[in-house]
Protein backbone atom coordinates (compact mmCIF):
# COMPACT_ATOMS: atom_id res chain seq x y z
CA MET A 1 202.76 15.18 52.10
CA ASP A 2 199.83 13.66 54.13
CA LEU A 3 200.13 15.65 57.37
CA VAL A 4 196.91 12.92 58.98
CA LYS A 5 199.01 10.02 57.59
CA GLU A 6 201.87 10.48 58.43
CA LEU A 7 201.13 10.74 61.91
CA GLN A 8 198.99 8.12 61.70
CA LYS A 9 202.03 5.97 60.44
CA ALA A 10 204.30 7.23 63.08
CA VAL A 11 201.97 6.17 66.23
CA ALA A 12 200.91 3.57 64.90
CA ALA A 13 204.41 2.05 64.94
CA ALA A 14 204.90 3.14 68.41
CA ALA A 15 201.62 1.68 69.66
CA ASP A 16 202.33 -1.95 67.75
CA VAL A 17 198.50 -1.12 66.21
CA GLU A 18 197.32 -0.46 62.20
CA ALA A 19 197.18 3.20 61.54
CA SER A 20 193.72 3.02 60.46
CA SER A 21 192.50 2.12 64.19
CA VAL A 22 194.50 6.02 65.52
CA HIS A 23 192.03 8.42 65.75
CA LEU A 24 193.64 11.77 65.32
CA GLU A 25 191.43 15.51 65.91
CA HIS A 26 192.40 19.04 66.50
CA PRO A 27 192.56 20.29 70.18
CA GLN A 28 189.49 23.16 71.13
CA ASP A 29 192.03 24.35 72.71
CA LEU A 30 195.27 25.87 69.91
CA SER A 31 197.64 25.89 73.44
CA HIS A 32 197.14 22.05 73.62
CA GLY A 33 198.42 21.24 70.37
CA ASP A 34 197.19 20.78 67.00
CA TYR A 35 196.13 16.98 66.90
CA ALA A 36 196.05 15.06 69.89
CA THR A 37 195.60 11.08 69.58
CA ASN A 38 193.00 8.65 72.07
CA ILE A 39 195.09 5.93 71.05
CA ALA A 40 196.67 5.05 74.30
CA MET A 41 193.56 5.18 76.26
CA THR A 42 191.68 3.01 73.89
CA LEU A 43 194.65 0.22 73.84
CA ALA A 44 194.87 0.30 77.40
CA LYS A 45 191.98 -1.21 78.78
CA GLU A 46 192.39 -4.73 76.41
CA ARG A 47 196.51 -4.56 76.86
CA GLY A 48 195.72 -3.93 81.20
CA VAL A 49 198.16 -1.71 81.79
CA ASN A 50 197.98 2.18 82.77
CA PRO A 51 196.82 4.17 79.88
CA LYS A 52 199.12 7.62 81.11
CA GLU A 53 201.62 5.19 81.49
CA LEU A 54 201.44 3.68 77.09
CA ALA A 55 200.79 6.96 76.42
CA GLU A 56 204.17 7.84 77.68
CA GLU A 57 205.83 4.60 76.14
CA ILE A 58 204.52 5.80 72.89
CA ILE A 59 205.48 9.13 72.74
CA LYS A 60 209.24 8.18 73.45
CA LYS A 61 208.96 6.41 70.00
CA ILE A 62 208.02 9.30 67.68
CA ASP A 63 210.22 11.22 66.30
CA LEU A 64 208.50 13.30 63.78
CA PRO A 65 210.86 16.43 61.60
CA PHE A 66 207.39 18.48 61.31
CA VAL A 67 206.57 17.94 65.56
CA GLU A 68 208.27 19.99 67.69
CA GLU A 69 206.11 18.45 70.76
CA VAL A 70 204.86 15.38 72.10
CA SER A 71 203.45 15.58 75.07
CA VAL A 72 201.10 13.40 77.47
CA ALA A 73 197.71 15.21 78.96
CA GLY A 74 194.47 13.87 81.30
CA PRO A 75 194.11 10.47 81.53
CA GLY A 76 195.96 9.06 78.72
CA PHE A 77 195.87 11.72 76.12
CA ILE A 78 198.76 12.15 73.30
CA ASN A 79 199.71 15.87 71.92
CA PHE A 80 201.52 16.78 69.24
CA LYS A 81 202.82 20.63 68.60
CA LEU A 82 203.48 21.11 65.14
CA SER A 83 207.20 23.01 64.17
CA ARG A 84 207.93 26.60 63.96
CA GLU A 85 209.40 25.57 60.30
CA PHE A 86 206.08 23.57 59.36
CA PHE A 87 203.85 26.30 59.63
CA THR A 88 206.23 28.44 57.64
CA GLY A 89 206.27 25.94 54.77
CA SER A 90 202.66 25.57 54.92
CA LEU A 91 202.15 29.49 54.33
CA LYS A 92 204.18 29.46 51.02
CA VAL A 93 202.78 26.19 50.05
CA ILE A 94 199.52 27.69 50.14
CA GLY A 95 200.68 30.79 47.92
CA SER A 96 201.77 29.12 45.77
CA LEU A 97 198.22 26.49 45.44
CA GLY A 98 197.11 30.00 44.88
CA ARG A 99 192.99 28.64 43.58
CA LEU A 100 194.78 24.61 43.89
CA TRP A 101 194.60 25.32 47.79
CA GLY A 102 192.48 23.02 49.48
CA SER A 103 191.82 20.77 46.42
CA ASN A 104 192.67 17.46 45.81
CA THR A 105 192.79 14.70 43.51
CA ASN A 106 190.71 11.92 45.25
CA ASN A 107 187.55 11.80 42.39
CA VAL A 108 189.75 12.44 39.05
CA ASP A 109 188.59 10.27 36.14
CA HIS A 110 185.30 10.19 38.21
CA LYS A 111 181.99 11.14 36.38
CA VAL A 112 179.23 12.73 38.72
CA ILE A 113 175.76 14.29 37.33
CA MET A 114 174.73 16.32 39.75
CA GLU A 115 170.83 16.81 40.34
CA TYR A 116 169.16 19.18 42.50
CA VAL A 117 167.10 22.71 41.49
CA ASN A 118 164.44 20.20 40.68
CA ALA A 119 162.36 23.52 39.01
CA ASN A 120 159.06 22.53 37.81
CA ALA A 121 157.62 24.52 34.99
CA PHE A 122 154.29 26.70 35.40
CA LYS A 123 155.74 26.82 39.17
CA GLN A 124 157.86 30.00 40.26
CA LEU A 125 160.64 28.91 42.45
CA HIS A 126 159.95 28.98 46.08
CA ILE A 127 162.33 29.36 49.30
CA GLY A 128 162.31 25.55 49.36
CA HIS A 129 163.96 25.65 46.21
CA LEU A 130 166.97 27.46 47.41
CA MET A 131 167.64 24.92 49.90
CA GLY A 132 168.10 22.17 47.32
CA ALA A 133 170.19 25.00 44.37
CA THR A 134 172.04 26.08 47.11
CA ILE A 135 173.65 22.67 48.64
CA GLY A 136 173.05 20.86 45.34
CA GLU A 137 175.92 23.73 44.07
CA SER A 138 177.82 23.22 46.85
CA ILE A 139 178.28 19.73 46.88
CA ALA A 140 178.94 19.76 42.80
CA ARG A 141 181.68 22.12 43.41
CA LEU A 142 182.85 19.81 46.05
CA LEU A 143 183.61 16.93 43.53
CA GLN A 144 184.97 19.05 41.11
CA PHE A 145 187.78 20.64 43.24
CA SER A 146 187.95 16.76 43.42
CA GLY A 147 189.13 16.29 40.36
CA ALA A 148 185.68 15.01 39.39
CA GLU A 149 184.09 15.85 36.49
CA VAL A 150 180.77 17.48 36.83
CA LYS A 151 177.48 18.39 35.13
CA LYS A 152 174.90 20.36 36.56
CA GLU A 153 171.07 19.28 35.79
CA SER A 154 167.38 20.47 37.39
CA TYR A 155 164.74 17.48 36.62
CA GLY A 156 161.10 18.91 36.87
CA GLY A 157 157.22 18.77 36.03
CA ASP A 158 156.45 19.91 32.61
CA VAL A 159 152.93 17.90 32.64
CA GLY A 160 150.23 16.47 34.97
CA PRO A 161 147.49 19.27 36.97
CA HIS A 162 149.71 21.91 37.81
CA ALA A 163 150.59 22.35 33.88
CA ALA A 164 147.08 21.92 32.80
CA LYS A 165 145.86 24.67 35.83
CA ALA A 166 147.96 27.67 34.77
CA VAL A 167 147.26 26.97 31.26
CA TYR A 168 144.02 27.34 32.34
CA GLY A 169 144.96 30.27 34.73
CA LEU A 170 146.39 32.34 31.39
CA ARG A 171 143.69 32.03 29.34
CA LYS A 172 141.24 33.37 32.22
CA LEU A 173 143.82 36.42 32.50
CA GLN A 174 144.97 37.30 29.04
CA LYS A 175 147.34 38.75 30.77
CA GLU A 176 151.42 39.08 29.07
CA LEU A 177 153.35 36.28 29.74
CA SER A 178 156.34 36.67 32.70
CA PRO A 179 156.81 34.44 34.94
CA ALA A 180 155.14 36.17 37.81
CA VAL A 181 151.48 36.14 35.42
CA ILE A 182 152.76 32.40 35.62
CA GLY A 183 152.88 32.06 39.16
CA GLU A 184 149.18 33.80 39.36
CA ALA A 185 148.08 32.05 36.44
CA TYR A 186 148.71 28.67 38.56
CA ALA A 187 147.44 30.44 41.86
CA LEU A 188 144.20 31.25 40.67
CA GLY A 189 143.53 27.72 38.55
CA ALA A 190 144.07 25.94 41.53
CA LYS A 191 141.31 27.66 43.32
CA GLU A 192 138.86 27.47 40.72
CA TYR A 193 140.01 23.23 40.65
CA GLU A 194 139.18 23.47 43.88
CA GLU A 195 136.29 26.01 44.27
CA ASN A 196 134.58 25.23 40.68
CA ASP A 197 132.89 21.61 39.42
CA SER A 198 132.56 23.21 35.88
CA ALA A 199 136.56 24.88 36.22
CA LYS A 200 137.35 21.40 37.47
CA GLU A 201 136.70 19.64 34.41
CA GLU A 202 137.94 22.07 32.10
CA ILE A 203 141.34 21.60 33.45
CA ASP A 204 141.06 17.82 34.28
CA ILE A 205 140.54 18.19 29.94
CA LEU A 206 143.29 20.23 29.72
CA ASN A 207 145.73 18.12 31.61
CA LYS A 208 144.92 14.79 29.18
CA ALA A 209 144.98 16.79 26.41
CA ILE A 210 148.55 18.15 27.44
CA TYR A 211 149.48 14.49 28.31
CA ALA A 212 148.55 13.93 24.88
CA GLY A 213 150.25 16.15 22.55
CA GLU A 214 147.69 15.72 20.27
CA ASP A 215 146.38 19.22 20.23
CA LYS A 216 148.72 22.13 18.66
CA ASP A 217 147.43 25.07 19.20
CA LEU A 218 146.52 23.68 22.72
CA MET A 219 150.88 22.35 23.18
CA LYS A 220 151.94 26.43 21.33
CA GLU A 221 150.38 27.51 24.62
CA HIS A 222 151.97 24.89 26.54
CA GLU A 223 155.71 25.67 25.01
CA GLU A 224 155.54 29.29 25.27
CA GLY A 225 154.37 28.90 29.46
CA ARG A 226 157.13 26.60 30.40
CA LYS A 227 160.03 28.33 28.18
CA VAL A 228 158.88 31.74 29.91
CA SER A 229 158.18 30.41 33.30
CA ILE A 230 161.72 28.61 33.24
CA GLU A 231 163.09 31.94 32.25
CA GLY A 232 162.07 33.03 35.23
CA VAL A 233 164.02 30.02 37.60
CA GLN A 234 167.04 30.98 35.31
CA GLU A 235 167.10 34.71 36.98
CA ILE A 236 166.90 33.21 40.22
CA LEU A 237 170.01 30.60 39.26
CA ASP A 238 171.91 33.98 37.44
CA VAL A 239 171.94 35.42 40.79
CA LEU A 240 172.97 32.24 42.68
CA ASP A 241 174.98 31.90 40.43
CA ILE A 242 174.66 28.50 39.14
CA LYS A 243 174.66 27.33 35.94
CA LEU A 244 172.86 23.97 35.00
CA ASP A 245 174.06 22.07 31.65
CA ARG A 246 170.00 21.18 31.66
CA PHE A 247 166.58 21.34 32.12
CA ILE A 248 164.71 17.75 31.96
CA PHE A 249 161.54 17.64 32.17
CA GLU A 250 158.84 15.05 33.28
CA SER A 251 157.62 14.65 29.44
CA GLU A 252 161.14 13.82 28.09
CA SER A 253 161.22 11.10 30.67
CA ALA A 254 157.45 9.25 30.90
CA PRO A 255 158.27 7.43 27.84
CA TYR A 256 161.37 5.84 28.79
CA GLY A 257 159.35 5.04 32.11
CA MET A 258 156.54 3.69 30.22
CA LYS A 259 159.21 1.16 28.36
CA LEU A 260 160.94 0.24 31.60
CA VAL A 261 157.48 -0.80 32.89
CA GLU A 262 156.71 -2.86 30.91
CA GLU A 263 159.56 -4.85 30.51
CA GLY A 264 159.40 -5.12 34.12
CA LEU A 265 156.17 -6.48 34.06
CA LYS A 266 157.56 -9.12 31.52
CA LYS A 267 160.11 -9.80 33.99
CA GLY A 268 157.94 -9.93 36.95
CA VAL A 269 159.49 -7.16 38.49
CA PHE A 270 156.06 -5.07 38.89
CA VAL A 271 152.99 -6.65 39.56
CA GLU A 272 148.85 -5.32 38.34
CA SER A 273 146.59 -4.75 40.56
CA ASP A 274 142.87 -3.55 39.70
CA GLY A 275 144.53 -2.00 36.62
CA ALA A 276 147.12 -0.48 37.64
CA VAL A 277 151.11 -1.16 37.40
CA ILE A 278 152.35 -1.60 40.77
CA TYR A 279 155.71 -2.09 42.91
CA GLU A 280 155.04 -4.71 45.87
CA GLY A 281 157.79 -3.06 48.28
CA GLU A 282 156.09 -4.09 51.04
CA LYS A 283 157.61 -7.61 50.27
CA LYS A 284 160.63 -5.86 50.46
CA GLY A 285 161.17 -3.98 53.62
CA LEU A 286 160.46 -0.70 51.66
CA HIS A 287 156.66 0.54 50.63
CA THR A 288 154.35 -0.32 47.54
CA ARG A 289 153.85 2.25 44.91
CA VAL A 290 152.27 2.77 41.58
CA PHE A 291 154.16 2.90 38.41
CA LYS A 292 151.61 3.26 35.61
CA THR A 293 147.78 4.34 36.87
CA LYS A 294 144.61 2.21 35.75
CA GLN A 295 144.03 4.50 33.48
CA GLY A 296 147.34 3.75 31.67
CA THR A 297 149.64 7.07 31.99
CA PRO A 298 153.07 6.82 33.94
CA THR A 299 153.16 8.46 37.43
CA TYR A 300 156.47 9.71 39.14
CA GLU A 301 157.92 7.17 40.07
CA ALA A 302 158.19 5.74 36.19
CA LYS A 303 159.24 9.05 35.32
CA GLU A 304 161.75 9.12 36.88
CA LEU A 305 162.79 5.28 36.22
CA GLY A 306 163.11 6.82 32.35
CA LEU A 307 165.06 9.75 33.61
CA GLU A 308 167.98 7.70 34.73
CA THR A 309 167.94 6.31 30.96
CA ILE A 310 167.52 10.57 29.18
CA LYS A 311 170.79 10.45 31.48
CA ASP A 312 173.05 7.79 30.03
CA GLU A 313 172.03 8.57 26.90
CA TRP A 314 172.74 12.27 27.30
CA TRP A 315 176.69 12.16 28.64
CA GLU A 316 177.84 8.31 30.15
CA HIS A 317 178.70 8.47 33.56
CA ASP A 318 179.77 7.17 37.16
CA GLN A 319 177.77 8.54 39.63
CA SER A 320 173.76 10.09 39.45
CA ILE A 321 173.37 12.11 42.85
CA VAL A 322 170.20 12.86 43.30
CA LEU A 323 169.42 15.96 45.90
CA THR A 324 165.55 15.74 47.01
CA GLY A 325 163.40 16.80 49.67
CA LYS A 326 163.46 14.85 52.89
CA GLU A 327 159.69 13.43 52.23
CA GLN A 328 161.25 11.89 49.26
CA ALA A 329 163.62 9.32 50.91
CA GLU A 330 161.35 6.22 51.07
CA TYR A 331 159.94 7.04 47.89
CA PHE A 332 163.73 6.61 46.88
CA LYS A 333 164.47 3.46 47.93
CA VAL A 334 161.58 1.94 46.48
CA ILE A 335 162.69 3.46 42.62
CA LYS A 336 166.34 2.11 43.54
CA GLU A 337 165.26 -0.97 44.56
CA ALA A 338 163.04 -1.72 41.17
CA LEU A 339 165.43 -0.27 39.34
CA SER A 340 168.00 -2.74 40.17
CA GLU A 341 165.60 -5.33 39.10
CA ILE A 342 165.69 -3.94 35.45
CA HIS A 343 168.60 -1.97 35.14
CA PRO A 344 171.32 -2.79 37.98
CA GLU A 345 173.97 -1.15 36.27
CA GLN A 346 171.76 2.22 36.38
CA ALA A 347 170.55 1.51 39.86
CA GLU A 348 174.20 0.90 40.84
CA LYS A 349 175.16 4.51 39.77
CA ILE A 350 172.59 6.57 41.86
CA THR A 351 173.43 8.21 45.30
CA HIS A 352 170.55 9.96 46.65
CA LEU A 353 170.51 12.75 49.47
CA SER A 354 167.96 14.85 51.31
CA ASN A 355 167.37 18.10 52.19
CA GLY A 356 165.38 19.56 54.59
CA LEU A 357 162.74 23.30 54.77
CA MET A 358 163.53 26.63 54.73
CA LYS A 359 161.05 28.25 56.98
CA LEU A 360 161.15 32.13 57.94
CA SER A 361 160.96 33.27 61.45
CA GLU A 362 158.50 35.96 61.13
CA GLY A 363 155.82 35.63 58.62
CA LYS A 364 155.82 39.25 57.51
CA MET A 365 156.55 38.43 53.79
CA SER A 366 154.02 36.60 51.38
CA SER A 367 153.66 35.85 48.08
CA ARG A 368 150.73 37.47 45.85
CA THR A 369 148.62 34.93 46.62
CA GLY A 370 149.69 33.92 50.24
CA ASP A 371 150.55 30.27 49.10
CA ILE A 372 154.50 30.49 48.84
CA VAL A 373 157.07 32.98 49.38
CA THR A 374 158.73 32.43 46.37
CA ALA A 375 162.83 33.02 46.31
CA LYS A 376 162.35 36.19 44.00
CA SER A 377 160.78 37.85 46.50
CA LEU A 378 163.29 36.86 49.47
CA ILE A 379 166.26 37.32 47.84
CA ASP A 380 164.72 41.04 46.94
CA ASN A 381 163.65 41.53 50.07
CA LEU A 382 167.47 41.12 51.65
CA VAL A 383 168.41 43.18 48.70
CA GLU A 384 166.27 46.09 49.65
CA LYS A 385 167.34 45.61 53.60
CA VAL A 386 171.40 45.34 52.11
CA LYS A 387 170.58 48.51 50.66
CA GLU A 388 169.44 50.73 53.20
CA GLN A 389 173.19 50.22 54.36
CA ASN A 390 174.80 49.79 50.99
CA PRO A 391 173.33 51.89 48.04
CA ASP A 392 175.42 49.73 45.37
CA GLU A 393 172.98 47.51 43.80
CA GLU A 394 175.99 44.45 43.20
CA THR A 395 177.26 44.51 46.41
CA ALA A 396 174.12 43.95 47.88
CA ARG A 397 172.98 41.13 46.00
CA LYS A 398 176.42 39.61 46.80
CA VAL A 399 175.62 40.41 50.79
CA ALA A 400 172.01 39.10 50.36
CA VAL A 401 172.83 35.91 48.39
CA ALA A 402 175.44 34.96 50.85
CA ALA A 403 172.97 35.25 53.91
CA ILE A 404 170.49 33.16 52.89
CA LYS A 405 173.73 30.83 51.59
CA TYR A 406 175.29 31.22 54.67
CA SER A 407 171.93 30.72 56.81
CA ILE A 408 171.54 26.72 54.82
CA LEU A 409 175.31 25.73 54.33
CA ARG A 410 175.99 26.15 58.24
CA GLN A 411 174.04 22.94 59.13
CA GLN A 412 174.23 19.51 58.34
CA PRO A 413 172.22 18.50 54.90
CA GLY A 414 168.87 16.93 55.53
CA GLY A 415 167.32 19.16 58.60
CA ASP A 416 165.57 21.63 58.49
CA ILE A 417 165.79 25.70 58.85
CA VAL A 418 164.37 29.10 60.24
CA PHE A 419 166.10 32.18 58.10
CA ASP A 420 165.76 35.28 60.29
CA VAL A 421 166.21 38.05 58.26
CA ASN A 422 168.17 40.18 60.09
CA ASN A 423 170.59 37.35 61.82
CA SER A 424 171.28 36.39 58.55
CA LEU A 425 172.81 40.28 57.01
CA SER A 426 174.80 40.68 60.25
CA THR A 427 178.07 41.21 59.64
CA GLU A 428 179.15 40.87 63.87
CA GLY A 429 179.64 36.49 63.46
CA ASP A 430 177.89 33.31 62.07
CA SER A 431 177.02 34.78 58.96
CA GLY A 432 177.49 34.84 55.52
CA PRO A 433 178.25 38.87 55.28
CA TYR A 434 181.03 37.97 58.64
CA LEU A 435 182.25 36.13 56.56
CA GLN A 436 182.56 38.40 53.68
CA TYR A 437 183.53 41.20 55.50
CA ALA A 438 186.71 39.22 56.86
CA LEU A 439 187.64 38.59 53.70
CA VAL A 440 187.07 42.18 52.57
CA ARG A 441 188.83 43.61 55.18
CA ALA A 442 192.17 41.58 54.65
CA LYS A 443 192.56 41.88 51.02
CA LYS A 444 192.28 45.70 52.29
CA ILE A 445 195.19 45.66 54.13
CA LEU A 446 197.01 44.24 51.43
CA ALA A 447 196.40 46.32 49.04
CA ASP A 448 197.31 48.79 51.73
CA SER A 449 200.55 47.81 51.73
CA SER A 450 203.81 48.62 50.13
CA LYS A 451 205.98 46.44 52.07
CA ASP A 452 207.24 43.15 50.15
CA ASP A 453 206.98 40.39 51.72
CA ALA A 454 209.35 38.03 49.67
CA ASP A 455 211.65 37.98 52.66
CA ALA A 456 209.72 37.84 55.56
CA VAL A 457 210.78 36.65 59.38
CA ALA A 458 208.49 34.71 61.58
CA PRO A 459 208.84 35.13 64.89
CA GLU A 460 209.56 32.73 67.44
CA GLN A 461 205.80 30.85 68.25
CA PRO A 462 203.55 30.72 65.35
CA TYR A 463 199.98 32.87 65.42
CA ASP A 464 196.88 30.86 66.31
CA LEU A 465 195.62 32.31 62.47
CA GLU A 466 198.58 29.83 61.42
CA LYS A 467 197.39 26.78 63.22
CA ILE A 468 194.07 27.10 61.82
CA LEU A 469 194.86 27.49 58.13
CA TYR A 470 196.93 24.47 57.19
CA ARG A 471 193.65 22.18 58.44
CA PHE A 472 191.57 23.90 54.94
CA PRO A 473 192.21 20.46 53.09
CA GLU A 474 191.14 18.01 55.53
CA VAL A 475 187.94 19.88 56.16
CA VAL A 476 187.48 19.77 52.40
CA ALA A 477 188.11 16.26 52.13
CA ARG A 478 185.42 15.28 54.93
CA ALA A 479 182.94 18.16 53.41
CA GLN A 480 183.59 15.94 50.10
CA GLU A 481 183.57 12.23 50.98
CA LYS A 482 180.34 12.93 53.16
CA TYR A 483 178.47 15.68 50.83
CA GLU A 484 178.11 17.98 53.51
CA PRO A 485 179.21 21.67 52.94
CA HIS A 486 179.03 22.55 56.32
CA HIS A 487 182.26 21.06 57.27
CA VAL A 488 183.61 23.61 55.08
CA THR A 489 181.39 26.42 56.90
CA GLY A 490 182.36 25.87 59.74
CA PHE A 491 185.53 26.30 59.14
CA LEU A 492 185.59 29.77 57.29
CA THR A 493 183.53 30.42 60.63
CA GLU A 494 186.11 29.86 63.05
CA LEU A 495 189.26 31.00 60.39
CA ALA A 496 187.66 34.44 60.00
CA SER A 497 187.09 34.65 63.91
CA GLU A 498 190.43 34.06 64.81
CA PHE A 499 191.58 36.76 61.88
CA ASN A 500 189.39 39.30 63.23
CA SER A 501 191.21 38.80 67.00
CA PHE A 502 194.74 39.07 64.98
CA TYR A 503 193.41 42.61 63.33
CA ALA A 504 192.65 43.66 66.50
CA LYS A 505 195.40 41.89 68.38
CA GLU A 506 198.30 42.39 66.25
CA LYS A 507 199.41 46.12 63.87
CA ILE A 508 199.77 44.39 61.23
CA LEU A 509 200.88 47.21 58.40
CA GLY A 510 204.57 49.40 60.02
CA GLY A 511 205.18 47.15 63.10
CA GLU A 512 206.34 43.99 63.69
CA TYR A 513 206.95 40.76 61.69
CA GLU A 514 205.53 42.82 59.20
CA GLY A 515 206.40 40.68 55.73
CA TYR A 516 205.31 37.81 57.63
CA LYS A 517 202.07 39.39 59.12
CA LEU A 518 201.14 40.06 55.10
CA LEU A 519 202.17 36.66 54.02
CA LEU A 520 200.19 35.42 55.94
CA ILE A 521 196.95 37.68 55.43
CA GLU A 522 198.13 36.24 51.91
CA ALA A 523 197.34 33.02 53.47
CA PHE A 524 194.14 33.86 55.38
CA VAL A 525 192.80 35.56 51.63
CA LEU A 526 193.63 33.22 49.36
CA THR A 527 191.25 30.20 51.43
CA MET A 528 188.98 32.33 52.46
CA THR A 529 188.73 32.93 48.62
CA ASN A 530 188.43 29.11 47.82
CA GLY A 531 186.86 28.11 51.09
CA LEU A 532 183.61 31.28 49.89
CA TRP A 533 184.04 29.46 46.22
CA LEU A 534 183.01 26.14 47.64
CA LEU A 535 179.84 27.62 49.42
CA GLY A 536 178.96 29.23 46.04
CA ILE A 537 179.64 32.99 47.01
CA GLU A 538 181.20 35.63 46.37
CA ALA A 539 182.05 38.36 48.43
CA PRO A 540 181.97 42.15 47.56
CA GLU A 541 184.75 44.59 46.69
CA LYS A 542 183.84 46.90 49.62
CA MET A 543 181.19 46.46 52.15
């Protein structure tokens, strides 16, 4: 049963309006009921009647088996209080659904390619990548939880100045290849490029040669460097529990992009300008962008066009979701508009989403070059802090990852975050470890219990914890529809807080209604487990 739809239909019939015009929300104070609508106040103005009197007329016509009480509050709010039978039945439903609890079939038969992480070869993942990786993984899981089939990929640069600078640096360092050494080599190459004219000339030559791909020895160096740097990326993704189906690189998309630019040039989509090929976006209220340089090489824009063709050849799909930093929002409008004039069917598949920047609240951590803070250094730092309290390596890793992911997923995607190491590790509330601790505590109660909850007797009044649990599918559906995991994060935080209040107030083992309380805790464990999975957070066995 879709609870919200049933309530909307009943109110709509009583008020003589369309169900779509009935807006329902949960009162902030649980004592005010489980749902509320302002429909009477909305209609009263246009009908020229008193809103409170209209509300009283509406509730007389509402009779639903799962609603215990309908009342009017304030100037005309209609409040619904769900029945004890509803909440008891809800716990049984949660238990029967298990890992499917909260899921839906809204996207069955829908195939999605989710592009995120965006790892560049010859560079280490920095803390900014943690934003896209965490949000993208959560969105992918939300889509899977709605029945969609999802393929996950990362698109990044493996050619261009950054690759040439790294190869130059590796030649100078003469060290055994490792992700850290490649990061050091890139930093060296970048510094030399800015300060040394002869180095700049050498790097520019390397850049063109890598692009041409004709020097076998150079391309072997390039391939080995790319392989090792991506292995370093994969190590971080493993820690984050992110499993990609594919890495796609610019060297793959460039040829496809060049073909599309030539095709678009013939169709008049692009025009030549001072030897380059451009898209005149300003004529459509967008940016004018270069797609082919004067030197005849494809730009990022051209490669981006080619990427969609690679996706089509790789796997038949209905939607191509691309998550990037928010600074690329205008850039993607141009890409999509240009593609719509060449291959409209590809452009229609693209959904572009944005994430903000991640900054540290203190400047104590820095990479060896001082230029960036790597994802690895942040994770390692957090793991060491956790181990001060809990020396178990696996537990420390899970807590550290939860601290990072929660900090990112607690707010709407697109906004910047300031990451505070100490606050992120707090078990007092509003943190990943706080959610983990609530789940671990609940599992411990179940492990220590010996009573069978099969014949559990419910108290006359529902516990407040029950009044939050049943909302989980609504929250998940909203997060799926809007591609916004923060709805789930906020719900789980509220749920964990209510569980901790329940734990503090009630004697569970050996107390009154023990069987029912255990049934309630089982439902909490399932809801929290499924919710944390959607966020990409795993709880340790002990904390």
